[in-house]
Every structure is written in C-alpha cells, then in structure tokens.
Amino acid sequence: MGAIRRASAATLFVLAVALFPAHAQEVAHSTHADVAVRACLNQKERRALVETGAVLHLAAAVHAVRNRLPGTLVRARLCRRGDSYVYVLTVLGHDGKVTRVAVDAAKGTLVGER
C-alpha cells in the first residue's frame, strides 16, 4: 500500500512539474530550503549542543511554558530555525487541547504558539 501511495505522489509531482514548471520548481526549492533551515536534531547533536552550553537543557524549556500552558508534555524536539535553535514542545492540555509551542533554546523564552 505504501509503494502505491509513493508512486501516486511521484506521478502527481511529475504532472505538476509538466503543467506548471516554474511554480513547481519554486515550490520544490522552497520546501527543500525549509527542511534545511528547520531540520530537527538527533539525540547525539542535541547532547553536544547542551554540553557546550549553546542551548539550554530541555527542562529549562519545559519550565518556561509550564505556568503558561499546563498539561502533559507529549513530544519535544530541538530544531534549527534560521541561525538559532528552538525547542518545539507539543503539550496535551488538561482540557484535551493539543498545543505546539516554540521556545528559544538559548534564552528559554517563548517565541511561538499554535
């Protein structure tokens, strides 16, 4: 089933490039750039940045949002955003609402919420 979906997605992409070549190349380029700029780090990379002091520990990021957004931490990632790093935290609120927040990994301040 996964192979069929991949083949269908590839077919749609080729069709889009054929019908809208300039726009499709622009979208493909911007998507690739976003992935490179906002790539999340693996455990080894995270540990190295924390040990060098370039970013705060995850606990500091969680503490920064705990009072503003009470609930259960579901997922935490350290990602690049431009030239800096942010912790992207997914929190399940007591009311059942899932919220994703971004915390500046160097300063520990809230920089975004959705």
N, C-alpha and C. Protein backbone atom coordinates (compact mmCIF):
# COMPACT_ATOMS: atom_id res chain seq x y z
N MET A 1 0.81 -1.19 0.00
CA MET A 1 0.00 0.00 0.00
C MET A 1 0.86 1.25 0.00
N GLY A 2 1.97 1.26 0.76
CA GLY A 2 2.85 2.41 0.82
C GLY A 2 3.52 2.68 -0.51
N ALA A 3 3.87 1.62 -1.24
CA ALA A 3 4.51 1.78 -2.55
C ALA A 3 3.54 2.43 -3.53
N ILE A 4 2.27 2.08 -3.44
CA ILE A 4 1.26 2.66 -4.34
C ILE A 4 1.10 4.15 -4.04
N ARG A 5 1.08 4.52 -2.77
CA ARG A 5 0.95 5.93 -2.41
C ARG A 5 2.17 6.72 -2.87
N ARG A 6 3.37 6.15 -2.71
CA ARG A 6 4.58 6.84 -3.16
C ARG A 6 4.56 7.02 -4.66
N ALA A 7 4.14 5.98 -5.39
CA ALA A 7 4.08 6.06 -6.84
C ALA A 7 3.05 7.11 -7.26
N SER A 8 1.92 7.16 -6.58
CA SER A 8 0.89 8.15 -6.89
C SER A 8 1.39 9.56 -6.61
N ALA A 9 2.07 9.73 -5.51
CA ALA A 9 2.61 11.04 -5.16
C ALA A 9 3.65 11.47 -6.19
N ALA A 10 4.49 10.54 -6.60
CA ALA A 10 5.51 10.86 -7.61
C ALA A 10 4.85 11.23 -8.93
N THR A 11 3.81 10.51 -9.30
CA THR A 11 3.10 10.80 -10.55
C THR A 11 2.47 12.19 -10.49
N LEU A 12 1.85 12.53 -9.38
CA LEU A 12 1.25 13.85 -9.23
C LEU A 12 2.30 14.95 -9.30
N PHE A 13 3.45 14.72 -8.71
CA PHE A 13 4.52 15.71 -8.74
C PHE A 13 5.01 15.93 -10.16
N VAL A 14 5.22 14.83 -10.90
CA VAL A 14 5.66 14.94 -12.30
C VAL A 14 4.63 15.68 -13.12
N LEU A 15 3.36 15.39 -12.90
CA LEU A 15 2.29 16.06 -13.61
C LEU A 15 2.29 17.56 -13.28
N ALA A 16 2.48 17.90 -12.02
CA ALA A 16 2.53 19.31 -11.61
C ALA A 16 3.70 20.03 -12.27
N VAL A 17 4.85 19.38 -12.34
CA VAL A 17 6.02 19.98 -12.98
C VAL A 17 5.75 20.20 -14.46
N ALA A 18 5.09 19.24 -15.09
CA ALA A 18 4.80 19.36 -16.52
C ALA A 18 3.80 20.49 -16.78
N LEU A 19 2.80 20.63 -15.93
CA LEU A 19 1.77 21.63 -16.15
C LEU A 19 2.20 23.03 -15.70
N PHE A 20 2.93 23.08 -14.60
CA PHE A 20 3.34 24.37 -14.03
C PHE A 20 4.82 24.33 -13.70
N PRO A 21 5.70 24.31 -14.70
CA PRO A 21 7.12 24.09 -14.44
C PRO A 21 7.77 25.13 -13.54
N ALA A 22 7.50 26.41 -13.76
CA ALA A 22 8.15 27.43 -12.96
C ALA A 22 7.68 27.38 -11.52
N HIS A 23 6.36 27.27 -11.33
CA HIS A 23 5.81 27.24 -9.98
C HIS A 23 6.25 25.98 -9.23
N ALA A 24 6.25 24.85 -9.89
CA ALA A 24 6.63 23.59 -9.24
C ALA A 24 8.09 23.62 -8.80
N GLN A 25 8.95 24.19 -9.63
CA GLN A 25 10.36 24.28 -9.24
C GLN A 25 10.54 25.21 -8.06
N GLU A 26 9.77 26.31 -8.05
CA GLU A 26 9.84 27.25 -6.94
C GLU A 26 9.37 26.59 -5.65
N VAL A 27 8.28 25.84 -5.70
CA VAL A 27 7.76 25.15 -4.52
C VAL A 27 8.74 24.09 -4.05
N ALA A 28 9.29 23.32 -4.98
CA ALA A 28 10.26 22.28 -4.61
C ALA A 28 11.48 22.90 -3.96
N HIS A 29 11.94 24.03 -4.49
CA HIS A 29 13.12 24.69 -3.93
C HIS A 29 12.82 25.24 -2.54
N SER A 30 11.66 25.91 -2.37
CA SER A 30 11.34 26.48 -1.06
C SER A 30 11.11 25.39 -0.02
N THR A 31 10.52 24.27 -0.42
CA THR A 31 10.31 23.17 0.51
C THR A 31 11.65 22.60 0.95
N HIS A 32 12.57 22.43 0.02
CA HIS A 32 13.90 21.92 0.36
C HIS A 32 14.62 22.90 1.28
N ALA A 33 14.49 24.18 1.02
CA ALA A 33 15.14 25.18 1.85
C ALA A 33 14.55 25.16 3.26
N ASP A 34 13.22 25.02 3.38
CA ASP A 34 12.59 24.97 4.70
C ASP A 34 13.08 23.77 5.49
N VAL A 35 13.24 22.63 4.83
CA VAL A 35 13.71 21.43 5.51
C VAL A 35 15.13 21.65 6.01
N ALA A 36 15.97 22.28 5.20
CA ALA A 36 17.35 22.51 5.62
C ALA A 36 17.41 23.51 6.77
N VAL A 37 16.55 24.54 6.74
CA VAL A 37 16.60 25.58 7.75
C VAL A 37 15.95 25.11 9.05
N ARG A 38 14.87 24.32 8.98
CA ARG A 38 14.12 23.92 10.16
C ARG A 38 14.34 22.47 10.55
N ALA A 39 15.44 21.89 10.14
CA ALA A 39 15.69 20.49 10.45
C ALA A 39 15.86 20.29 11.95
N CYS A 40 15.26 19.24 12.44
CA CYS A 40 15.39 18.90 13.86
C CYS A 40 16.61 18.02 14.06
N LEU A 41 17.19 18.11 15.23
CA LEU A 41 18.43 17.42 15.53
C LEU A 41 18.18 16.05 16.12
N ASN A 42 19.15 15.17 15.96
CA ASN A 42 19.06 13.86 16.59
C ASN A 42 19.63 13.95 18.01
N GLN A 43 19.56 12.86 18.74
CA GLN A 43 19.96 12.86 20.15
C GLN A 43 21.42 13.22 20.35
N LYS A 44 22.29 12.72 19.49
CA LYS A 44 23.72 12.99 19.61
C LYS A 44 24.01 14.48 19.40
N GLU A 45 23.36 15.08 18.41
CA GLU A 45 23.55 16.51 18.13
C GLU A 45 23.01 17.36 19.28
N ARG A 46 21.84 16.97 19.82
CA ARG A 46 21.27 17.70 20.95
C ARG A 46 22.20 17.67 22.15
N ARG A 47 22.68 16.50 22.46
CA ARG A 47 23.55 16.34 23.62
C ARG A 47 24.80 17.20 23.48
N ALA A 48 25.39 17.22 22.29
CA ALA A 48 26.60 18.01 22.06
C ALA A 48 26.34 19.50 22.27
N LEU A 49 25.20 19.99 21.79
CA LEU A 49 24.89 21.41 21.96
C LEU A 49 24.63 21.76 23.42
N VAL A 50 23.97 20.87 24.15
CA VAL A 50 23.72 21.12 25.57
C VAL A 50 25.03 21.11 26.35
N GLU A 51 25.90 20.16 26.05
CA GLU A 51 27.17 20.06 26.77
C GLU A 51 28.08 21.25 26.52
N THR A 52 28.03 21.83 25.31
CA THR A 52 28.85 23.01 25.02
C THR A 52 28.23 24.29 25.56
N GLY A 53 26.97 24.23 25.98
CA GLY A 53 26.30 25.40 26.51
C GLY A 53 25.65 26.27 25.44
N ALA A 54 25.62 25.78 24.22
CA ALA A 54 24.99 26.55 23.13
C ALA A 54 23.49 26.63 23.31
N VAL A 55 22.88 25.61 23.92
CA VAL A 55 21.45 25.60 24.18
C VAL A 55 21.21 25.16 25.62
N LEU A 56 20.05 25.53 26.13
CA LEU A 56 19.65 25.14 27.48
C LEU A 56 19.18 23.68 27.49
N HIS A 57 19.13 23.12 28.67
CA HIS A 57 18.57 21.78 28.83
C HIS A 57 17.08 21.82 28.53
N LEU A 58 16.54 20.69 28.13
CA LEU A 58 15.12 20.59 27.83
C LEU A 58 14.27 21.00 29.04
N ALA A 59 14.74 20.68 30.23
CA ALA A 59 13.99 21.02 31.45
C ALA A 59 13.75 22.53 31.57
N ALA A 60 14.71 23.33 31.14
CA ALA A 60 14.55 24.79 31.18
C ALA A 60 13.47 25.24 30.21
N ALA A 61 13.40 24.62 29.05
CA ALA A 61 12.36 24.97 28.06
C ALA A 61 10.99 24.56 28.59
N VAL A 62 10.90 23.40 29.20
CA VAL A 62 9.63 22.94 29.76
C VAL A 62 9.20 23.87 30.88
N HIS A 63 10.13 24.28 31.71
CA HIS A 63 9.83 25.19 32.82
C HIS A 63 9.31 26.53 32.29
N ALA A 64 9.83 26.97 31.14
CA ALA A 64 9.41 28.26 30.56
C ALA A 64 7.94 28.27 30.17
N VAL A 65 7.40 27.11 29.80
CA VAL A 65 6.00 27.08 29.35
C VAL A 65 5.06 26.44 30.36
N ARG A 66 5.58 25.87 31.42
CA ARG A 66 4.76 25.12 32.38
C ARG A 66 3.65 25.98 32.99
N ASN A 67 3.96 27.19 33.39
CA ASN A 67 2.94 28.05 34.02
C ASN A 67 1.94 28.58 33.01
N ARG A 68 2.40 28.85 31.82
CA ARG A 68 1.52 29.41 30.80
C ARG A 68 0.65 28.35 30.15
N LEU A 69 1.16 27.13 30.06
CA LEU A 69 0.46 26.07 29.35
C LEU A 69 0.51 24.78 30.17
N PRO A 70 -0.36 24.64 31.18
CA PRO A 70 -0.33 23.43 31.99
C PRO A 70 -0.85 22.23 31.20
N GLY A 71 -0.26 21.10 31.45
CA GLY A 71 -0.67 19.87 30.78
C GLY A 71 0.46 18.87 30.77
N THR A 72 0.35 17.91 29.87
CA THR A 72 1.34 16.85 29.76
C THR A 72 2.18 17.04 28.52
N LEU A 73 3.49 17.01 28.68
CA LEU A 73 4.39 17.10 27.54
C LEU A 73 4.30 15.81 26.75
N VAL A 74 3.93 15.91 25.48
CA VAL A 74 3.75 14.75 24.63
C VAL A 74 4.99 14.50 23.77
N ARG A 75 5.59 15.58 23.28
CA ARG A 75 6.74 15.45 22.39
C ARG A 75 7.63 16.68 22.54
N ALA A 76 8.94 16.48 22.44
CA ALA A 76 9.89 17.58 22.50
C ALA A 76 10.97 17.35 21.45
N ARG A 77 11.22 18.39 20.67
CA ARG A 77 12.26 18.31 19.64
C ARG A 77 13.11 19.57 19.71
N LEU A 78 14.37 19.45 19.37
CA LEU A 78 15.25 20.60 19.23
C LEU A 78 15.49 20.78 17.74
N CYS A 79 15.10 21.94 17.22
CA CYS A 79 15.16 22.17 15.77
C CYS A 79 15.92 23.45 15.46
N ARG A 80 16.48 23.48 14.26
CA ARG A 80 17.10 24.71 13.77
C ARG A 80 16.01 25.61 13.23
N ARG A 81 16.14 26.88 13.52
CA ARG A 81 15.24 27.88 12.93
C ARG A 81 16.13 29.05 12.53
N GLY A 82 16.47 29.07 11.26
CA GLY A 82 17.41 30.08 10.78
C GLY A 82 18.78 29.80 11.36
N ASP A 83 19.35 30.79 12.03
CA ASP A 83 20.69 30.64 12.63
C ASP A 83 20.62 30.24 14.09
N SER A 84 19.42 30.04 14.62
CA SER A 84 19.28 29.70 16.04
C SER A 84 18.58 28.35 16.20
N TYR A 85 18.35 27.99 17.44
CA TYR A 85 17.70 26.72 17.76
C TYR A 85 16.47 26.99 18.61
N VAL A 86 15.44 26.17 18.43
CA VAL A 86 14.24 26.25 19.25
C VAL A 86 13.85 24.84 19.69
N TYR A 87 13.31 24.78 20.88
CA TYR A 87 12.66 23.55 21.32
C TYR A 87 11.21 23.64 20.86
N VAL A 88 10.75 22.64 20.13
CA VAL A 88 9.35 22.57 19.72
C VAL A 88 8.69 21.57 20.65
N LEU A 89 7.80 22.07 21.49
CA LEU A 89 7.15 21.25 22.51
C LEU A 89 5.69 21.05 22.15
N THR A 90 5.23 19.82 22.21
CA THR A 90 3.82 19.51 21.99
C THR A 90 3.23 19.14 23.35
N VAL A 91 2.20 19.90 23.75
CA VAL A 91 1.62 19.74 25.08
C VAL A 91 0.14 19.38 24.95
N LEU A 92 -0.26 18.35 25.68
CA LEU A 92 -1.66 17.97 25.77
C LEU A 92 -2.22 18.63 27.02
N GLY A 93 -3.10 19.61 26.83
CA GLY A 93 -3.68 20.35 27.95
C GLY A 93 -4.67 19.51 28.74
N HIS A 94 -4.96 19.96 29.92
CA HIS A 94 -5.92 19.25 30.78
C HIS A 94 -7.32 19.23 30.16
N ASP A 95 -7.58 20.19 29.25
CA ASP A 95 -8.87 20.25 28.58
C ASP A 95 -8.91 19.38 27.31
N GLY A 96 -7.83 18.67 27.03
CA GLY A 96 -7.77 17.80 25.85
C GLY A 96 -7.23 18.47 24.61
N LYS A 97 -6.94 19.75 24.67
CA LYS A 97 -6.43 20.50 23.54
C LYS A 97 -4.92 20.28 23.38
N VAL A 98 -4.49 20.01 22.15
CA VAL A 98 -3.07 19.83 21.87
C VAL A 98 -2.51 21.14 21.35
N THR A 99 -1.42 21.60 21.95
CA THR A 99 -0.80 22.87 21.56
C THR A 99 0.67 22.64 21.31
N ARG A 100 1.17 23.28 20.26
CA ARG A 100 2.60 23.20 19.94
C ARG A 100 3.20 24.58 20.19
N VAL A 101 4.26 24.62 20.98
CA VAL A 101 4.93 25.88 21.29
C VAL A 101 6.40 25.79 20.91
N ALA A 102 6.97 26.95 20.61
CA ALA A 102 8.40 27.03 20.31
C ALA A 102 9.06 27.88 21.39
N VAL A 103 10.14 27.36 21.92
CA VAL A 103 10.89 28.04 22.97
C VAL A 103 12.31 28.25 22.47
N ASP A 104 12.80 29.48 22.54
CA ASP A 104 14.18 29.77 22.14
C ASP A 104 15.11 28.91 23.00
N ALA A 105 15.91 28.10 22.36
CA ALA A 105 16.74 27.14 23.09
C ALA A 105 17.93 27.78 23.79
N ALA A 106 18.32 28.98 23.39
CA ALA A 106 19.44 29.64 24.04
C ALA A 106 18.98 30.51 25.21
N LYS A 107 17.79 31.13 25.08
CA LYS A 107 17.31 32.07 26.10
C LYS A 107 16.24 31.49 27.01
N GLY A 108 15.51 30.49 26.53
CA GLY A 108 14.44 29.90 27.33
C GLY A 108 13.16 30.70 27.29
N THR A 109 12.99 31.54 26.28
CA THR A 109 11.79 32.37 26.16
C THR A 109 10.86 31.79 25.11
N LEU A 110 9.57 31.99 25.33
CA LEU A 110 8.55 31.52 24.39
C LEU A 110 8.61 32.40 23.14
N VAL A 111 8.70 31.75 21.96
CA VAL A 111 8.79 32.51 20.71
C VAL A 111 7.64 32.22 19.75
N GLY A 112 6.80 31.25 20.05
CA GLY A 112 5.67 30.97 19.18
C GLY A 112 4.74 29.92 19.77
N GLU A 113 3.47 30.00 19.33
CA GLU A 113 2.48 29.05 19.83
C GLU A 113 1.42 28.84 18.75
N ARG A 114 0.99 27.58 18.60
CA ARG A 114 -0.14 27.29 17.71
C ARG A 114 -0.82 26.03 18.12
